[in-house]
C-alpha atoms as a PDB file:
ATOM      1  CA  ARG A   1     101.329 125.817 117.564  1.00  0.00           C
ATOM      2  CA  VAL A   2     103.084 122.836 115.996  1.00  0.00           C
ATOM      3  CA  LEU A   3     101.911 120.303 113.428  1.00  0.00           C
ATOM      4  CA  GLU A   4     103.813 117.061 113.034  1.00  0.00           C
ATOM      5  CA  VAL A   5     103.021 115.299 109.775  1.00  0.00           C
ATOM      6  CA  GLY A   6     103.556 111.543 109.674  1.00  0.00           C
ATOM      7  CA  VAL A   7     103.891 111.145 113.439  1.00  0.00           C
ATOM      8  CA  GLY A   8     104.286 107.376 113.060  1.00  0.00           C
ATOM      9  CA  THR A   9     105.050 105.704 116.370  1.00  0.00           C
ATOM     10  CA  GLY A  10     105.707 109.020 118.097  1.00  0.00           C
ATOM     11  CA  LEU A  11     109.497 108.842 118.176  1.00  0.00           C
ATOM     12  CA  ASN A  12     109.763 112.649 118.106  1.00  0.00           C
ATOM     13  CA  LEU A  13     107.360 113.274 120.981  1.00  0.00           C
ATOM     14  CA  PRO A  14     110.012 113.286 123.747  1.00  0.00           C
ATOM     15  CA  TYR A  15     111.825 116.119 121.937  1.00  0.00           C
ATOM     16  CA  TYR A  16     108.984 118.618 122.217  1.00  0.00           C
ATOM     17  CA  GLU A  17     109.294 120.850 125.275  1.00  0.00           C
ATOM     18  CA  PRO A  18     105.876 121.317 126.912  1.00  0.00           C
ATOM     19  CA  SER A  19     106.905 124.772 128.170  1.00  0.00           C
ATOM     20  CA  ARG A  20     107.592 125.940 124.579  1.00  0.00           C
ATOM     21  CA  CYS A  21     104.808 124.107 122.763  1.00  0.00           C
ATOM     22  CA  ILE A  22     101.339 125.519 123.452  1.00  0.00           C
ATOM     23  CA  SER A  23      99.734 122.965 121.157  1.00  0.00           C
ATOM     24  CA  LEU A  24     100.944 119.944 119.216  1.00  0.00           C
ATOM     25  CA  THR A  25      98.775 118.375 116.560  1.00  0.00           C
ATOM     26  CA  ALA A  26     100.143 115.168 115.077  1.00  0.00           C
ATOM     27  CA  VAL A  27      98.676 113.462 112.034  1.00  0.00           C
ATOM     28  CA  ASP A  28      99.242 110.143 110.336  1.00  0.00           C
ATOM     29  CA  LEU A  29      97.362 108.214 107.673  1.00  0.00           C
ATOM     30  CA  SER A  30      97.729 104.963 109.626  1.00  0.00           C
ATOM     31  CA  ALA A  31      95.420 104.251 112.551  1.00  0.00           C
ATOM     32  CA  GLY A  32      97.946 101.678 113.769  1.00  0.00           C
ATOM     33  CA  MET A  33     100.735 104.259 113.866  1.00  0.00           C
ATOM     34  CA  LEU A  34      98.476 106.667 115.759  1.00  0.00           C
ATOM     35  CA  ARG A  35      97.818 103.973 118.377  1.00  0.00           C
ATOM     36  CA  GLU A  36     101.582 103.584 118.799  1.00  0.00           C
ATOM     37  CA  ALA A  37     102.006 107.364 119.046  1.00  0.00           C
ATOM     38  CA  GLU A  38      99.313 107.462 121.718  1.00  0.00           C
ATOM     39  CA  LYS A  39     101.260 104.881 123.740  1.00  0.00           C
ATOM     40  CA  ALA A  40     104.450 106.932 123.315  1.00  0.00           C
ATOM     41  CA  ALA A  41     102.632 110.062 124.482  1.00  0.00           C
ATOM     42  CA  GLY A  42     101.380 108.219 127.563  1.00  0.00           C
ATOM     43  CA  ALA A  43     104.954 107.305 128.497  1.00  0.00           C
ATOM     44  CA  LEU A  44     106.249 110.900 128.465  1.00  0.00           C
ATOM     45  CA  ARG A  45     107.581 112.384 131.721  1.00  0.00           C
ATOM     46  CA  SER A  46     105.840 115.682 131.050  1.00  0.00           C
ATOM     47  CA  PRO A  47     102.512 115.646 129.252  1.00  0.00           C
ATOM     48  CA  LEU A  48     102.200 117.519 125.977  1.00  0.00           C
ATOM     49  CA  PRO A  49      99.136 119.451 124.759  1.00  0.00           C
ATOM     50  CA  LEU A  50      98.714 116.793 122.056  1.00  0.00           C
ATOM     51  CA  ARG A  51      95.987 115.961 119.545  1.00  0.00           C
ATOM     52  CA  LEU A  52      96.447 112.848 117.394  1.00  0.00           C
ATOM     53  CA  ILE A  53      94.389 112.836 114.193  1.00  0.00           C
ATOM     54  CA  ARG A  54      94.114 110.375 111.319  1.00  0.00           C
ATOM     55  CA  MET A  55      94.625 112.434 108.196  1.00  0.00           C
ATOM     56  CA  ASP A  56      96.241 112.342 104.764  1.00  0.00           C
ATOM     57  CA  ALA A  57      99.153 114.788 104.561  1.00  0.00           C
ATOM     58  CA  ALA A  58      98.259 115.531 100.939  1.00  0.00           C
ATOM     59  CA  SER A  59      94.889 116.891 102.072  1.00  0.00           C
ATOM     60  CA  LEU A  60      95.229 118.522 105.490  1.00  0.00           C
ATOM     61  CA  ASP A  61      91.934 119.567 107.055  1.00  0.00           C
ATOM     62  CA  PHE A  62      93.233 122.753 108.704  1.00  0.00           C
ATOM     63  CA  ALA A  63      92.802 126.418 107.885  1.00  0.00           C
ATOM     64  CA  ASP A  64      95.548 128.304 106.086  1.00  0.00           C
ATOM     65  CA  GLY A  65      98.294 129.501 108.433  1.00  0.00           C
ATOM     66  CA  SER A  66      97.078 127.429 111.397  1.00  0.00           C
ATOM     67  CA  PHE A  67     100.540 126.458 112.676  1.00  0.00           C
ATOM     68  CA  ASP A  68     103.726 128.296 113.622  1.00  0.00           C
ATOM     69  CA  SER A  69     105.860 125.249 112.805  1.00  0.00           C
ATOM     70  CA  VAL A  70     105.288 122.164 110.704  1.00  0.00           C
ATOM     71  CA  VAL A  71     107.564 119.169 111.282  1.00  0.00           C
ATOM     72  CA  ASP A  72     108.042 116.108 109.096  1.00  0.00           C
ATOM     73  CA  THR A  73     110.677 113.462 109.697  1.00  0.00           C
ATOM     74  CA  PHE A  74     111.312 110.579 107.309  1.00  0.00           C
ATOM     75  CA  SER A  75     107.767 110.315 106.031  1.00  0.00           C
ATOM     76  CA  LEU A  76     107.805 111.975 102.596  1.00  0.00           C
ATOM     77  CA  CYS A  77     109.455 108.830 101.230  1.00  0.00           C
ATOM     78  CA  VAL A  78     106.377 106.722 102.023  1.00  0.00           C
ATOM     79  CA  MET A  79     103.745 109.205 100.872  1.00  0.00           C
ATOM     80  CA  ALA A  80     101.936 108.554  97.613  1.00  0.00           C
ATOM     81  CA  GLN A  81     101.892 112.296  96.829  1.00  0.00           C
ATOM     82  CA  PRO A  82     104.891 113.877  98.579  1.00  0.00           C
ATOM     83  CA  GLU A  83     104.767 117.144  96.633  1.00  0.00           C
ATOM     84  CA  ALA A  84     101.080 117.590  97.446  1.00  0.00           C
ATOM     85  CA  ALA A  85     101.961 116.984 101.099  1.00  0.00           C
ATOM     86  CA  ILE A  86     104.684 119.666 100.978  1.00  0.00           C
ATOM     87  CA  ARG A  87     102.225 122.122  99.400  1.00  0.00           C
ATOM     88  CA  GLU A  88      99.730 121.356 102.158  1.00  0.00           C
ATOM     89  CA  MET A  89     102.385 121.803 104.858  1.00  0.00           C
ATOM     90  CA  ARG A  90     103.220 125.168 103.295  1.00  0.00           C
ATOM     91  CA  ARG A  91      99.554 126.160 103.220  1.00  0.00           C
ATOM     92  CA  VAL A  92      98.871 125.395 106.895  1.00  0.00           C
ATOM     93  CA  CYS A  93     102.122 126.993 108.095  1.00  0.00           C
ATOM     94  CA  ALA A  94     101.924 130.650 109.112  1.00  0.00           C
ATOM     95  CA  ALA A  95     103.591 133.114 106.734  1.00  0.00           C
ATOM     96  CA  ASP A  96     106.361 133.722 109.280  1.00  0.00           C
ATOM     97  CA  GLY A  97     106.447 130.078 110.365  1.00  0.00           C
ATOM     98  CA  LYS A  98     108.931 127.297 109.747  1.00  0.00           C
ATOM     99  CA  LEU A  99     108.682 124.027 107.901  1.00  0.00           C
ATOM    100  CA  LEU A 100     111.244 121.563 109.288  1.00  0.00           C
ATOM    101  CA  LEU A 101     111.983 118.474 107.206  1.00  0.00           C
ATOM    102  CA  VAL A 102     114.376 115.649 107.989  1.00  0.00           C
ATOM    103  CA  GLU A 103     114.189 113.322 105.023  1.00  0.00           C
ATOM    104  CA  HIS A 104     115.836 110.645 102.956  1.00  0.00           C
ATOM    105  CA  THR A 105     116.994 112.164  99.683  1.00  0.00           C
ATOM    106  CA  ARG A 106     118.924 111.211  96.604  1.00  0.00           C
ATOM    107  CA  SER A 107     122.652 111.441  97.251  1.00  0.00           C
ATOM    108  CA  SER A 108     124.628 114.231  95.627  1.00  0.00           C
ATOM    109  CA  VAL A 109     127.475 111.727  95.165  1.00  0.00           C
ATOM    110  CA  ALA A 110     126.943 110.513  91.586  1.00  0.00           C
ATOM    111  CA  ALA A 111     127.763 106.826  92.112  1.00  0.00           C
ATOM    112  CA  LEU A 112     125.628 106.555  95.240  1.00  0.00           C
ATOM    113  CA  GLY A 113     122.760 108.451  93.600  1.00  0.00           C
ATOM    114  CA  ALA A 114     122.883 106.053  90.646  1.00  0.00           C
ATOM    115  CA  TYR A 115     122.863 103.105  93.060  1.00  0.00           C
ATOM    116  CA  GLN A 116     119.842 104.577  94.848  1.00  0.00           C
ATOM    117  CA  ASP A 117     118.043 105.028  91.522  1.00  0.00           C
ATOM    118  CA  LEU A 118     118.775 101.422  90.602  1.00  0.00           C
ATOM    119  CA  THR A 119     117.728  99.890  93.922  1.00  0.00           C
ATOM    120  CA  ALA A 120     114.984 102.204  95.237  1.00  0.00           C
ATOM    121  CA  PRO A 121     112.008 100.455  93.598  1.00  0.00           C
ATOM    122  CA  ALA A 122     112.990  96.999  94.879  1.00  0.00           C
ATOM    123  CA  ALA A 123     113.991  98.318  98.302  1.00  0.00           C
ATOM    124  CA  ALA A 124     110.677 100.130  98.691  1.00  0.00           C
ATOM    125  CA  ALA A 125     108.703  97.068  97.643  1.00  0.00           C
ATOM    126  CA  LEU A 126     110.624  94.427  99.556  1.00  0.00           C
ATOM    127  CA  LEU A 127     112.550  95.891 102.463  1.00  0.00           C
ATOM    128  CA  GLY A 128     111.799  99.559 103.037  1.00  0.00           C
ATOM    129  CA  LYS A 129     108.110  99.540 103.993  1.00  0.00           C
ATOM    130  CA  GLY A 130     107.382 101.590 100.893  1.00  0.00           C
ATOM    131  CA  CYS A 131     110.126 104.169 101.432  1.00  0.00           C
ATOM    132  CA  VAL A 132     111.345 105.606  98.135  1.00  0.00           C
ATOM    133  CA  TYR A 133     114.728 106.822  99.340  1.00  0.00           C
ATOM    134  CA  ASN A 134     115.996 108.423  96.142  1.00  0.00           C
ATOM    135  CA  GLN A 135     113.597 111.360  95.939  1.00  0.00           C
ATOM    136  CA  ASP A 136     115.087 114.789  95.249  1.00  0.00           C
ATOM    137  CA  VAL A 137     113.535 116.509  98.257  1.00  0.00           C
ATOM    138  CA  ALA A 138     115.144 119.912  97.596  1.00  0.00           C
ATOM    139  CA  SER A 139     113.621 119.986  94.098  1.00  0.00           C
ATOM    140  CA  MET A 140     110.219 118.978  95.451  1.00  0.00           C
ATOM    141  CA  ILE A 141     110.445 121.814  97.976  1.00  0.00           C
ATOM    142  CA  ALA A 142     111.347 124.314  95.244  1.00  0.00           C
ATOM    143  CA  ARG A 143     108.473 123.145  93.014  1.00  0.00           C
ATOM    144  CA  SER A 144     106.156 123.633  95.986  1.00  0.00           C
ATOM    145  CA  GLY A 145     107.015 127.326  96.132  1.00  0.00           C
ATOM    146  CA  LEU A 146     109.290 127.169  99.152  1.00  0.00           C
ATOM    147  CA  ARG A 147     112.963 127.877  99.473  1.00  0.00           C
ATOM    148  CA  VAL A 148     115.481 125.836 101.393  1.00  0.00           C
ATOM    149  CA  VAL A 149     117.032 128.006 104.101  1.00  0.00           C
ATOM    150  CA  ARG A 150     119.394 125.364 105.405  1.00  0.00           C
ATOM    151  CA  GLN A 151     120.208 121.900 104.143  1.00  0.00           C
ATOM    152  CA  GLU A 152     122.567 119.583 105.978  1.00  0.00           C
ATOM    153  CA  PRO A 153     123.408 116.492 103.958  1.00  0.00           C
ATOM    154  CA  GLU A 154     124.882 113.727 106.030  1.00  0.00           C
ATOM    155  CA  LEU A 155     126.937 110.688 105.126  1.00  0.00           C
ATOM    156  CA  PHE A 156     127.877 110.640 101.401  1.00  0.00           C
ATOM    157  CA  GLY A 157     125.528 113.476 100.485  1.00  0.00           C
ATOM    158  CA  LEU A 158     122.394 111.819 101.804  1.00  0.00           C
END
């Protein structure tokens, strides 16, 4: 039982293995993104047990512990309430489940982090479709009552 938060255009859908995924629920706040995800699902070689639902990640309409895994890729940066969304992902994830996040975060390299802080507001407003790319995701996770099991920063500590 998997929940994908911020499914967007459905770019992750080909990576789910139908034989290992008994149910996939994917949510997004944007009806337009859900239409794109539906097209992506229709183009898959093997169909997935997929439900697409318009929903705000900061207020998930699912029972506590409903999912074995919750996945979010590159969507916290565009959410108005990212910490509320993380708390909701935690709530709907089973106690022995996994929350998998692949996110933009503030660089641990001081000069690059300072550059991100300086440019993030303008980039989000003008170029980045609202993405605030200098959030401290690890701190948000900690404040949400979770612990980071593994973190893999990429290029220049991003």
